[in-house]
Each structure stands twice: as structure tokens, then as C-alpha cells.
Full PDB file with SEQRES, HELIX, SHEET, SSBOND, CRYST1, ORIGX, SCALE, CONECT and MASTER records, all heavy atoms in Angstrom:
SEQRES   1 A   41  SER SER PHE PRO GLY ALA LEU LEU HIS HIS HIS GLU ILE          
SEQRES   2 A   41  VAL ALA VAL GLY PRO SER HIS ALA GLU GLN ARG ASN ALA          
SEQRES   3 A   41  VAL LEU ALA PHE LEU ARG LYS GLY ARG SER LEU LEU VAL          
SEQRES   4 A   41  ASP GLY                                                      
HELIX    1 AA1 HIS A   10  VAL A   16  1                                   7    
HELIX    2 AA2 HIS A   20  ARG A   35  1                                  16    
HELIX    3 AA3 SER A   36  ASP A   40  3                                   5    
CRYST1    1.000    1.000    1.000  90.00  90.00  90.00 P 1           1          
ORIGX1      1.000000  0.000000  0.000000        0.00000                         
ORIGX2      0.000000  1.000000  0.000000        0.00000                         
ORIGX3      0.000000  0.000000  1.000000        0.00000                         
SCALE1      1.000000  0.000000  0.000000        0.00000                         
SCALE2      0.000000  1.000000  0.000000        0.00000                         
SCALE3      0.000000  0.000000  1.000000        0.00000                         
ATOM      1  N   SER A   1      14.226  -2.159   1.408  1.00  0.00           N  
ATOM      2  CA  SER A   1      15.653  -2.485   1.542  1.00  0.00           C  
ATOM      3  C   SER A   1      16.314  -1.724   2.677  1.00  0.00           C  
ATOM      4  O   SER A   1      17.352  -2.150   3.190  1.00  0.00           O  
ATOM      5  CB  SER A   1      16.384  -2.188   0.229  1.00  0.00           C  
ATOM      6  OG  SER A   1      16.238  -0.818  -0.131  1.00  0.00           O  
ATOM      7  N   SER A   2      15.722  -0.604   3.113  1.00  0.00           N  
ATOM      8  CA  SER A   2      16.350   0.226   4.133  1.00  0.00           C  
ATOM      9  C   SER A   2      15.826  -0.040   5.535  1.00  0.00           C  
ATOM     10  O   SER A   2      16.364   0.472   6.505  1.00  0.00           O  
ATOM     11  CB  SER A   2      16.166   1.708   3.790  1.00  0.00           C  
ATOM     12  OG  SER A   2      14.783   2.021   3.684  1.00  0.00           O  
ATOM     13  N   PHE A   3      14.748  -0.841   5.659  1.00  0.00           N  
ATOM     14  CA  PHE A   3      14.219  -1.245   6.956  1.00  0.00           C  
ATOM     15  C   PHE A   3      13.476  -2.563   6.765  1.00  0.00           C  
ATOM     16  O   PHE A   3      13.087  -2.898   5.640  1.00  0.00           O  
ATOM     17  CB  PHE A   3      13.298  -0.159   7.544  1.00  0.00           C  
ATOM     18  CG  PHE A   3      12.029   0.066   6.771  1.00  0.00           C  
ATOM     19  CD1 PHE A   3      10.836  -0.545   7.123  1.00  0.00           C  
ATOM     20  CD2 PHE A   3      12.012   0.919   5.657  1.00  0.00           C  
ATOM     21  CE1 PHE A   3       9.668  -0.338   6.409  1.00  0.00           C  
ATOM     22  CE2 PHE A   3      10.846   1.138   4.938  1.00  0.00           C  
ATOM     23  CZ  PHE A   3       9.670   0.503   5.312  1.00  0.00           C  
ATOM     24  N   PRO A   4      13.263  -3.329   7.822  1.00  0.00           N  
ATOM     25  CA  PRO A   4      12.666  -4.666   7.662  1.00  0.00           C  
ATOM     26  C   PRO A   4      11.144  -4.629   7.559  1.00  0.00           C  
ATOM     27  O   PRO A   4      10.432  -5.117   8.427  1.00  0.00           O  
ATOM     28  CB  PRO A   4      13.127  -5.394   8.922  1.00  0.00           C  
ATOM     29  CG  PRO A   4      13.252  -4.318   9.946  1.00  0.00           C  
ATOM     30  CD  PRO A   4      13.740  -3.103   9.200  1.00  0.00           C  
ATOM     31  N   GLY A   5      10.647  -4.020   6.515  1.00  0.00           N  
ATOM     32  CA  GLY A   5       9.210  -3.886   6.353  1.00  0.00           C  
ATOM     33  C   GLY A   5       8.823  -3.799   4.894  1.00  0.00           C  
ATOM     34  O   GLY A   5       9.502  -4.340   4.012  1.00  0.00           O  
ATOM     35  N   ALA A   6       7.737  -3.082   4.640  1.00  0.00           N  
ATOM     36  CA  ALA A   6       7.228  -2.940   3.278  1.00  0.00           C  
ATOM     37  C   ALA A   6       6.911  -1.481   3.002  1.00  0.00           C  
ATOM     38  O   ALA A   6       6.547  -0.727   3.918  1.00  0.00           O  
ATOM     39  CB  ALA A   6       5.970  -3.782   3.092  1.00  0.00           C  
ATOM     40  N   LEU A   7       7.045  -1.084   1.751  1.00  0.00           N  
ATOM     41  CA  LEU A   7       6.731   0.297   1.385  1.00  0.00           C  
ATOM     42  C   LEU A   7       6.069   0.368   0.023  1.00  0.00           C  
ATOM     43  O   LEU A   7       6.192  -0.533  -0.803  1.00  0.00           O  
ATOM     44  CB  LEU A   7       7.975   1.185   1.445  1.00  0.00           C  
ATOM     45  CG  LEU A   7       9.205   0.824   0.603  1.00  0.00           C  
ATOM     46  CD1 LEU A   7       9.032   1.197  -0.851  1.00  0.00           C  
ATOM     47  CD2 LEU A   7      10.445   1.513   1.162  1.00  0.00           C  
ATOM     48  N   LEU A   8       5.356   1.449  -0.157  1.00  0.00           N  
ATOM     49  CA  LEU A   8       4.690   1.753  -1.427  1.00  0.00           C  
ATOM     50  C   LEU A   8       5.022   3.204  -1.747  1.00  0.00           C  
ATOM     51  O   LEU A   8       4.606   4.118  -1.022  1.00  0.00           O  
ATOM     52  CB  LEU A   8       3.179   1.550  -1.294  1.00  0.00           C  
ATOM     53  CG  LEU A   8       2.326   1.712  -2.556  1.00  0.00           C  
ATOM     54  CD1 LEU A   8       2.693   0.664  -3.604  1.00  0.00           C  
ATOM     55  CD2 LEU A   8       0.842   1.614  -2.206  1.00  0.00           C  
ATOM     56  N   HIS A   9       5.794   3.422  -2.801  1.00  0.00           N  
ATOM     57  CA  HIS A   9       6.283   4.755  -3.121  1.00  0.00           C  
ATOM     58  C   HIS A   9       5.167   5.681  -3.604  1.00  0.00           C  
ATOM     59  O   HIS A   9       4.180   5.237  -4.200  1.00  0.00           O  
ATOM     60  CB  HIS A   9       7.360   4.684  -4.205  1.00  0.00           C  
ATOM     61  CG  HIS A   9       8.616   4.001  -3.769  1.00  0.00           C  
ATOM     62  ND1 HIS A   9       8.905   2.700  -4.125  1.00  0.00           N  
ATOM     63  CD2 HIS A   9       9.652   4.432  -3.009  1.00  0.00           C  
ATOM     64  CE1 HIS A   9      10.080   2.362  -3.617  1.00  0.00           C  
ATOM     65  NE2 HIS A   9      10.559   3.394  -2.934  1.00  0.00           N  
ATOM     66  N   HIS A  10       5.379   6.963  -3.373  1.00  0.00           N  
ATOM     67  CA  HIS A  10       4.454   7.994  -3.838  1.00  0.00           C  
ATOM     68  C   HIS A  10       4.199   7.861  -5.334  1.00  0.00           C  
ATOM     69  O   HIS A  10       3.054   7.917  -5.796  1.00  0.00           O  
ATOM     70  CB  HIS A  10       5.030   9.377  -3.499  1.00  0.00           C  
ATOM     71  CG  HIS A  10       4.155  10.538  -3.843  1.00  0.00           C  
ATOM     72  ND1 HIS A  10       4.022  11.021  -5.130  1.00  0.00           N  
ATOM     73  CD2 HIS A  10       3.372  11.337  -3.060  1.00  0.00           C  
ATOM     74  CE1 HIS A  10       3.202  12.053  -5.131  1.00  0.00           C  
ATOM     75  NE2 HIS A  10       2.791  12.264  -3.890  1.00  0.00           N  
ATOM     76  N   HIS A  11       5.259   7.685  -6.121  1.00  0.00           N  
ATOM     77  CA  HIS A  11       5.077   7.612  -7.583  1.00  0.00           C  
ATOM     78  C   HIS A  11       4.292   6.371  -7.984  1.00  0.00           C  
ATOM     79  O   HIS A  11       3.583   6.383  -8.998  1.00  0.00           O  
ATOM     80  CB  HIS A  11       6.426   7.675  -8.309  1.00  0.00           C  
ATOM     81  CG  HIS A  11       7.303   6.468  -8.120  1.00  0.00           C  
ATOM     82  ND1 HIS A  11       7.173   5.325  -8.878  1.00  0.00           N  
ATOM     83  CD2 HIS A  11       8.329   6.240  -7.260  1.00  0.00           C  
ATOM     84  CE1 HIS A  11       8.081   4.448  -8.503  1.00  0.00           C  
ATOM     85  NE2 HIS A  11       8.790   4.961  -7.519  1.00  0.00           N  
ATOM     86  N   GLU A  12       4.382   5.297  -7.200  1.00  0.00           N  
ATOM     87  CA  GLU A  12       3.585   4.105  -7.490  1.00  0.00           C  
ATOM     88  C   GLU A  12       2.108   4.358  -7.202  1.00  0.00           C  
ATOM     89  O   GLU A  12       1.229   3.857  -7.911  1.00  0.00           O  
ATOM     90  CB  GLU A  12       4.082   2.932  -6.648  1.00  0.00           C  
ATOM     91  CG  GLU A  12       5.491   2.471  -6.986  1.00  0.00           C  
ATOM     92  CD  GLU A  12       5.976   1.376  -6.064  1.00  0.00           C  
ATOM     93  OE1 GLU A  12       6.116   1.628  -4.842  1.00  0.00           O  
ATOM     94  OE2 GLU A  12       6.215   0.262  -6.557  1.00  0.00           O  
ATOM     95  N   ILE A  13       1.846   5.131  -6.150  1.00  0.00           N  
ATOM     96  CA  ILE A  13       0.458   5.476  -5.826  1.00  0.00           C  
ATOM     97  C   ILE A  13      -0.131   6.363  -6.919  1.00  0.00           C  
ATOM     98  O   ILE A  13      -1.267   6.155  -7.363  1.00  0.00           O  
ATOM     99  CB  ILE A  13       0.394   6.173  -4.457  1.00  0.00           C  
ATOM    100  CG1 ILE A  13       0.936   5.252  -3.360  1.00  0.00           C  
ATOM    101  CG2 ILE A  13      -1.038   6.606  -4.137  1.00  0.00           C  
ATOM    102  CD1 ILE A  13       1.134   5.940  -2.021  1.00  0.00           C  
ATOM    103  N   VAL A  14       0.634   7.347  -7.372  1.00  0.00           N  
ATOM    104  CA  VAL A  14       0.175   8.228  -8.445  1.00  0.00           C  
ATOM    105  C   VAL A  14      -0.137   7.423  -9.703  1.00  0.00           C  
ATOM    106  O   VAL A  14      -1.124   7.689 -10.402  1.00  0.00           O  
ATOM    107  CB  VAL A  14       1.241   9.310  -8.736  1.00  0.00           C  
ATOM    108  CG1 VAL A  14       0.888  10.094  -9.997  1.00  0.00           C  
ATOM    109  CG2 VAL A  14       1.383  10.251  -7.548  1.00  0.00           C  
ATOM    110  N   ALA A  15       0.696   6.401  -9.966  1.00  0.00           N  
ATOM    111  CA  ALA A  15       0.536   5.611 -11.188  1.00  0.00           C  
ATOM    112  C   ALA A  15      -0.666   4.674 -11.143  1.00  0.00           C  
ATOM    113  O   ALA A  15      -1.067   4.139 -12.202  1.00  0.00           O  
ATOM    114  CB  ALA A  15       1.799   4.796 -11.452  1.00  0.00           C  
ATOM    115  N   VAL A  16      -1.257   4.476  -9.971  1.00  0.00           N  
ATOM    116  CA  VAL A  16      -2.411   3.579  -9.852  1.00  0.00           C  
ATOM    117  C   VAL A  16      -3.561   4.048 -10.729  1.00  0.00           C  
ATOM    118  O   VAL A  16      -4.259   3.254 -11.362  1.00  0.00           O  
ATOM    119  CB  VAL A  16      -2.864   3.474  -8.374  1.00  0.00           C  
ATOM    120  CG1 VAL A  16      -4.258   2.886  -8.259  1.00  0.00           C  
ATOM    121  CG2 VAL A  16      -1.863   2.649  -7.584  1.00  0.00           C  
ATOM    122  N   GLY A  17      -3.775   5.353 -10.764  1.00  0.00           N  
ATOM    123  CA  GLY A  17      -4.878   5.889 -11.554  1.00  0.00           C  
ATOM    124  C   GLY A  17      -5.074   7.357 -11.285  1.00  0.00           C  
ATOM    125  O   GLY A  17      -4.485   7.926 -10.367  1.00  0.00           O  
ATOM    126  N   PRO A  18      -5.917   8.013 -12.080  1.00  0.00           N  
ATOM    127  CA  PRO A  18      -6.069   9.459 -11.988  1.00  0.00           C  
ATOM    128  C   PRO A  18      -7.054   9.932 -10.931  1.00  0.00           C  
ATOM    129  O   PRO A  18      -7.246  11.136 -10.776  1.00  0.00           O  
ATOM    130  CB  PRO A  18      -6.563   9.826 -13.389  1.00  0.00           C  
ATOM    131  CG  PRO A  18      -7.359   8.632 -13.811  1.00  0.00           C  
ATOM    132  CD  PRO A  18      -6.657   7.446 -13.227  1.00  0.00           C  
ATOM    133  N   SER A  19      -7.681   9.014 -10.200  1.00  0.00           N  
ATOM    134  CA  SER A  19      -8.676   9.449  -9.218  1.00  0.00           C  
ATOM    135  C   SER A  19      -8.192   9.219  -7.794  1.00  0.00           C  
ATOM    136  O   SER A  19      -7.412   8.295  -7.517  1.00  0.00           O  
ATOM    137  CB  SER A  19     -10.008   8.710  -9.419  1.00  0.00           C  
ATOM    138  OG  SER A  19      -9.933   7.392  -8.931  1.00  0.00           O  
ATOM    139  N   HIS A  20      -8.681  10.068  -6.901  1.00  0.00           N  
ATOM    140  CA  HIS A  20      -8.369   9.929  -5.479  1.00  0.00           C  
ATOM    141  C   HIS A  20      -8.834   8.573  -4.963  1.00  0.00           C  
ATOM    142  O   HIS A  20      -8.123   7.910  -4.185  1.00  0.00           O  
ATOM    143  CB  HIS A  20      -9.043  11.064  -4.701  1.00  0.00           C  
ATOM    144  CG  HIS A  20      -8.863  10.980  -3.218  1.00  0.00           C  
ATOM    145  ND1 HIS A  20      -9.731  10.267  -2.409  1.00  0.00           N  
ATOM    146  CD2 HIS A  20      -7.929  11.501  -2.388  1.00  0.00           C  
ATOM    147  CE1 HIS A  20      -9.337  10.365  -1.149  1.00  0.00           C  
ATOM    148  NE2 HIS A  20      -8.240  11.102  -1.110  1.00  0.00           N  
ATOM    149  N   ALA A  21     -10.016   8.134  -5.376  1.00  0.00           N  
ATOM    150  CA  ALA A  21     -10.562   6.868  -4.895  1.00  0.00           C  
ATOM    151  C   ALA A  21      -9.673   5.690  -5.281  1.00  0.00           C  
ATOM    152  O   ALA A  21      -9.433   4.785  -4.468  1.00  0.00           O  
ATOM    153  CB  ALA A  21     -11.973   6.666  -5.434  1.00  0.00           C  
ATOM    154  N   GLU A  22      -9.183   5.676  -6.513  1.00  0.00           N  
ATOM    155  CA  GLU A  22      -8.306   4.586  -6.952  1.00  0.00           C  
ATOM    156  C   GLU A  22      -7.026   4.556  -6.131  1.00  0.00           C  
ATOM    157  O   GLU A  22      -6.562   3.493  -5.683  1.00  0.00           O  
ATOM    158  CB  GLU A  22      -7.958   4.761  -8.431  1.00  0.00           C  
ATOM    159  CG  GLU A  22      -9.106   4.500  -9.395  1.00  0.00           C  
ATOM    160  CD  GLU A  22      -8.718   4.831 -10.818  1.00  0.00           C  
ATOM    161  OE1 GLU A  22      -8.377   6.007 -11.091  1.00  0.00           O  
ATOM    162  OE2 GLU A  22      -8.762   3.923 -11.670  1.00  0.00           O  
ATOM    163  N   GLN A  23      -6.439   5.724  -5.917  1.00  0.00           N  
ATOM    164  CA  GLN A  23      -5.197   5.800  -5.157  1.00  0.00           C  
ATOM    165  C   GLN A  23      -5.421   5.391  -3.705  1.00  0.00           C  
ATOM    166  O   GLN A  23      -4.632   4.631  -3.117  1.00  0.00           O  
ATOM    167  CB  GLN A  23      -4.638   7.215  -5.236  1.00  0.00           C  
ATOM    168  CG  GLN A  23      -4.214   7.617  -6.640  1.00  0.00           C  
ATOM    169  CD  GLN A  23      -3.778   9.063  -6.725  1.00  0.00           C  
ATOM    170  OE1 GLN A  23      -3.804   9.812  -5.750  1.00  0.00           O  
ATOM    171  NE2 GLN A  23      -3.368   9.487  -7.919  1.00  0.00           N  
ATOM    172  N   ARG A  24      -6.499   5.877  -3.126  1.00  0.00           N  
ATOM    173  CA  ARG A  24      -6.802   5.560  -1.730  1.00  0.00           C  
ATOM    174  C   ARG A  24      -7.034   4.057  -1.540  1.00  0.00           C  
ATOM    175  O   ARG A  24      -6.523   3.450  -0.597  1.00  0.00           O  
ATOM    176  CB  ARG A  24      -8.042   6.348  -1.298  1.00  0.00           C  
ATOM    177  CG  ARG A  24      -8.456   6.114   0.145  1.00  0.00           C  
ATOM    178  CD  ARG A  24      -9.778   6.816   0.452  1.00  0.00           C  
ATOM    179  NE  ARG A  24     -10.180   6.561   1.822  1.00  0.00           N  
ATOM    180  CZ  ARG A  24      -9.814   7.282   2.861  1.00  0.00           C  
ATOM    181  NH1 ARG A  24      -9.036   8.334   2.686  1.00  0.00           N  
ATOM    182  NH2 ARG A  24     -10.229   6.964   4.085  1.00  0.00           N  
ATOM    183  N   ASN A  25      -7.798   3.456  -2.438  1.00  0.00           N  
ATOM    184  CA  ASN A  25      -8.085   2.030  -2.330  1.00  0.00           C  
ATOM    185  C   ASN A  25      -6.810   1.194  -2.457  1.00  0.00           C  
ATOM    186  O   ASN A  25      -6.655   0.167  -1.781  1.00  0.00           O  
ATOM    187  CB  ASN A  25      -9.093   1.607  -3.390  1.00  0.00           C  
ATOM    188  CG  ASN A  25     -10.494   2.141  -3.109  1.00  0.00           C  
ATOM    189  OD1 ASN A  25     -10.822   2.478  -1.969  1.00  0.00           O  
ATOM    190  ND2 ASN A  25     -11.315   2.229  -4.139  1.00  0.00           N  
ATOM    191  N   ALA A  26      -5.895   1.624  -3.309  1.00  0.00           N  
ATOM    192  CA  ALA A  26      -4.637   0.899  -3.473  1.00  0.00           C  
ATOM    193  C   ALA A  26      -3.806   0.943  -2.199  1.00  0.00           C  
ATOM    194  O   ALA A  26      -3.206  -0.069  -1.792  1.00  0.00           O  
ATOM    195  CB  ALA A  26      -3.850   1.477  -4.644  1.00  0.00           C  
ATOM    196  N   VAL A  27      -3.756   2.090  -1.550  1.00  0.00           N  
ATOM    197  CA  VAL A  27      -2.964   2.207  -0.325  1.00  0.00           C  
ATOM    198  C   VAL A  27      -3.627   1.445   0.819  1.00  0.00           C  
ATOM    199  O   VAL A  27      -2.946   0.775   1.605  1.00  0.00           O  
ATOM    200  CB  VAL A  27      -2.745   3.687   0.044  1.00  0.00           C  
ATOM    201  CG1 VAL A  27      -1.980   3.798   1.355  1.00  0.00           C  
ATOM    202  CG2 VAL A  27      -1.978   4.394  -1.070  1.00  0.00           C  
ATOM    203  N   LEU A  28      -4.937   1.525   0.908  1.00  0.00           N  
ATOM    204  CA  LEU A  28      -5.635   0.749   1.937  1.00  0.00           C  
ATOM    205  C   LEU A  28      -5.382  -0.741   1.749  1.00  0.00           C  
ATOM    206  O   LEU A  28      -5.149  -1.475   2.730  1.00  0.00           O  
ATOM    207  CB  LEU A  28      -7.130   1.041   1.893  1.00  0.00           C  
ATOM    208  CG  LEU A  28      -7.605   2.242   2.706  1.00  0.00           C  
ATOM    209  CD1 LEU A  28      -9.041   2.607   2.340  1.00  0.00           C  
ATOM    210  CD2 LEU A  28      -7.493   1.968   4.211  1.00  0.00           C  
ATOM    211  N   ALA A  29      -5.413  -1.208   0.507  1.00  0.00           N  
ATOM    212  CA  ALA A  29      -5.151  -2.625   0.245  1.00  0.00           C  
ATOM    213  C   ALA A  29      -3.734  -3.004   0.672  1.00  0.00           C  
ATOM    214  O   ALA A  29      -3.510  -4.085   1.241  1.00  0.00           O  
ATOM    215  CB  ALA A  29      -5.360  -2.926  -1.236  1.00  0.00           C  
ATOM    216  N   PHE A  30      -2.786  -2.130   0.414  1.00  0.00           N  
ATOM    217  CA  PHE A  30      -1.390  -2.365   0.815  1.00  0.00           C  
ATOM    218  C   PHE A  30      -1.270  -2.463   2.333  1.00  0.00           C  
ATOM    219  O   PHE A  30      -0.669  -3.410   2.865  1.00  0.00           O  
ATOM    220  CB  PHE A  30      -0.522  -1.233   0.268  1.00  0.00           C  
ATOM    221  CG  PHE A  30       0.838  -1.133   0.891  1.00  0.00           C  
ATOM    222  CD1 PHE A  30       1.851  -2.015   0.540  1.00  0.00           C  
ATOM    223  CD2 PHE A  30       1.119  -0.150   1.840  1.00  0.00           C  
ATOM    224  CE1 PHE A  30       3.112  -1.932   1.122  1.00  0.00           C  
ATOM    225  CE2 PHE A  30       2.370  -0.043   2.419  1.00  0.00           C  
ATOM    226  CZ  PHE A  30       3.364  -0.941   2.064  1.00  0.00           C  
ATOM    227  N   LEU A  31      -1.841  -1.514   3.057  1.00  0.00           N  
ATOM    228  CA  LEU A  31      -1.739  -1.518   4.515  1.00  0.00           C  
ATOM    229  C   LEU A  31      -2.494  -2.700   5.131  1.00  0.00           C  
ATOM    230  O   LEU A  31      -2.035  -3.314   6.099  1.00  0.00           O  
ATOM    231  CB  LEU A  31      -2.263  -0.201   5.072  1.00  0.00           C  
ATOM    232  CG  LEU A  31      -1.489   1.056   4.653  1.00  0.00           C  
ATOM    233  CD1 LEU A  31      -2.186   2.312   5.179  1.00  0.00           C  
ATOM    234  CD2 LEU A  31      -0.051   1.010   5.147  1.00  0.00           C  
ATOM    235  N   ARG A  32      -3.645  -3.011   4.566  1.00  0.00           N  
ATOM    236  CA  ARG A  32      -4.418  -4.160   5.071  1.00  0.00           C  
ATOM    237  C   ARG A  32      -3.678  -5.471   4.830  1.00  0.00           C  
ATOM    238  O   ARG A  32      -3.776  -6.400   5.647  1.00  0.00           O  
ATOM    239  CB  ARG A  32      -5.792  -4.187   4.400  1.00  0.00           C  
ATOM    240  CG  ARG A  32      -6.743  -3.107   4.897  1.00  0.00           C  
ATOM    241  CD  ARG A  32      -7.973  -3.010   4.010  1.00  0.00           C  
ATOM    242  NE  ARG A  32      -8.923  -2.006   4.497  1.00  0.00           N  
ATOM    243  CZ  ARG A  32      -9.827  -1.408   3.734  1.00  0.00           C  
ATOM    244  NH1 ARG A  32      -9.905  -1.703   2.437  1.00  0.00           N  
ATOM    245  NH2 ARG A  32     -10.653  -0.519   4.253  1.00  0.00           N  
ATOM    246  N   LYS A  33      -2.952  -5.575   3.732  1.00  0.00           N  
ATOM    247  CA  LYS A  33      -2.154  -6.779   3.476  1.00  0.00           C  
ATOM    248  C   LYS A  33      -1.108  -6.956   4.564  1.00  0.00           C  
ATOM    249  O   LYS A  33      -0.924  -8.061   5.103  1.00  0.00           O  
ATOM    250  CB  LYS A  33      -1.494  -6.691   2.104  1.00  0.00           C  
ATOM    251  CG  LYS A  33      -0.544  -7.847   1.774  1.00  0.00           C  
ATOM    252  CD  LYS A  33      -1.258  -9.181   1.737  1.00  0.00           C  
ATOM    253  CE  LYS A  33      -0.305 -10.298   1.311  1.00  0.00           C  
ATOM    254  NZ  LYS A  33      -0.961 -11.633   1.315  1.00  0.00           N  
ATOM    255  N   GLY A  34      -0.419  -5.878   4.912  1.00  0.00           N  
ATOM    256  CA  GLY A  34       0.559  -5.964   5.988  1.00  0.00           C  
ATOM    257  C   GLY A  34      -0.082  -6.359   7.308  1.00  0.00           C  
ATOM    258  O   GLY A  34       0.451  -7.195   8.057  1.00  0.00           O  
ATOM    259  N   ARG A  35      -1.227  -5.774   7.611  1.00  0.00           N  
ATOM    260  CA  ARG A  35      -1.947  -6.113   8.850  1.00  0.00           C  
ATOM    261  C   ARG A  35      -2.357  -7.575   8.852  1.00  0.00           C  
ATOM    262  O   ARG A  35      -2.232  -8.273   9.865  1.00  0.00           O  
ATOM    263  CB  ARG A  35      -3.170  -5.210   8.988  1.00  0.00           C  
ATOM    264  CG  ARG A  35      -3.968  -5.440  10.266  1.00  0.00           C  
ATOM    265  CD  ARG A  35      -5.239  -4.606  10.261  1.00  0.00           C  
ATOM    266  NE  ARG A  35      -6.135  -4.984   9.161  1.00  0.00           N  
ATOM    267  CZ  ARG A  35      -7.198  -4.279   8.765  1.00  0.00           C  
ATOM    268  NH1 ARG A  35      -7.479  -3.149   9.366  1.00  0.00           N  
ATOM    269  NH2 ARG A  35      -7.951  -4.697   7.765  1.00  0.00           N  
ATOM    270  N   SER A  36      -2.867  -8.069   7.727  1.00  0.00           N  
ATOM    271  CA  SER A  36      -3.299  -9.455   7.636  1.00  0.00           C  
ATOM    272  C   SER A  36      -2.135 -10.423   7.874  1.00  0.00           C  
ATOM    273  O   SER A  36      -2.277 -11.415   8.581  1.00  0.00           O  
ATOM    274  CB  SER A  36      -3.930  -9.709   6.259  1.00  0.00           C  
ATOM    275  OG  SER A  36      -4.318 -11.054   6.119  1.00  0.00           O  
ATOM    276  N   LEU A  37      -0.980 -10.124   7.291  1.00  0.00           N  
ATOM    277  CA  LEU A  37       0.180 -10.973   7.494  1.00  0.00           C  
ATOM    278  C   LEU A  37       0.593 -11.019   8.963  1.00  0.00           C  
ATOM    279  O   LEU A  37       0.905 -12.100   9.500  1.00  0.00           O  
ATOM    280  CB  LEU A  37       1.348 -10.472   6.641  1.00  0.00           C  
ATOM    281  CG  LEU A  37       1.303 -10.783   5.151  1.00  0.00           C  
ATOM    282  CD1 LEU A  37       2.348  -9.965   4.395  1.00  0.00           C  
ATOM    283  CD2 LEU A  37       1.533 -12.279   4.920  1.00  0.00           C  
ATOM    284  N   LEU A  38       0.587  -9.855   9.613  1.00  0.00           N  
ATOM    285  CA  LEU A  38       1.110  -9.787  10.969  1.00  0.00           C  
ATOM    286  C   LEU A  38       0.094 -10.229  12.015  1.00  0.00           C  
ATOM    287  O   LEU A  38       0.450 -10.881  13.002  1.00  0.00           O  
ATOM    288  CB  LEU A  38       1.559  -8.353  11.254  1.00  0.00           C  
ATOM    289  CG  LEU A  38       2.766  -7.888  10.431  1.00  0.00           C  
ATOM    290  CD1 LEU A  38       2.956  -6.391  10.564  1.00  0.00           C  
ATOM    291  CD2 LEU A  38       4.026  -8.631  10.854  1.00  0.00           C  
ATOM    292  N   VAL A  39      -1.179  -9.861  11.817  1.00  0.00           N  
ATOM    293  CA  VAL A  39      -2.187 -10.172  12.827  1.00  0.00           C  
ATOM    294  C   VAL A  39      -2.815 -11.543  12.594  1.00  0.00           C  
ATOM    295  O   VAL A  39      -3.041 -12.302  13.541  1.00  0.00           O  
ATOM    296  CB  VAL A  39      -3.279  -9.076  12.844  1.00  0.00           C  
ATOM    297  CG1 VAL A  39      -4.412  -9.445  13.794  1.00  0.00           C  
ATOM    298  CG2 VAL A  39      -2.667  -7.740  13.256  1.00  0.00           C  
ATOM    299  N   ASP A  40      -3.071 -11.881  11.328  1.00  0.00           N  
ATOM    300  CA  ASP A  40      -3.733 -13.145  11.014  1.00  0.00           C  
ATOM    301  C   ASP A  40      -2.752 -14.222  10.532  1.00  0.00           C  
ATOM    302  O   ASP A  40      -3.135 -15.382  10.377  1.00  0.00           O  
ATOM    303  CB  ASP A  40      -4.795 -12.930   9.936  1.00  0.00           C  
ATOM    304  CG  ASP A  40      -5.855 -11.909  10.358  1.00  0.00           C  
ATOM    305  OD1 ASP A  40      -6.185 -11.893  11.555  1.00  0.00           O  
ATOM    306  OD2 ASP A  40      -6.306 -11.131   9.500  1.00  0.00           O  
ATOM    307  N   GLY A  41      -1.540 -13.808  10.219  1.00  0.00           N  
ATOM    308  CA  GLY A  41      -0.554 -14.782   9.724  1.00  0.00           C  
ATOM    309  C   GLY A  41      -0.789 -15.220   8.306  1.00  0.00           C  
ATOM    310  O   GLY A  41      -0.294 -16.260   7.864  1.00  0.00           O  
TER     311      GLY A  41                                                      
MASTER        0    0    0    3    0    0    0    6  310    1    0    4          
END                                                                             
């Protein structure tokens, strides 16, 4: 809402799961989704 993009809050990442791997995979999926929309349409 504060800029024309997408965000994933820290607390949402923490809530993904108790492991580093789960959190990392969730953020990578988020960033890759943005890349796919912009680069691949």
C-alpha cells in the first residue's frame, strides 16, 4: 500500500515454519513470483 510493488512481512516469514529452509524457500518463491510476472509476464 505504501509503494507500487509487493512485500512479505518479517512476521509472515517467521510464521511459515520453524526451520530456516522453510522460511528461505517461502521468500525465494515470493521473489521469483515477482520476477516471473515482470520478466515473463
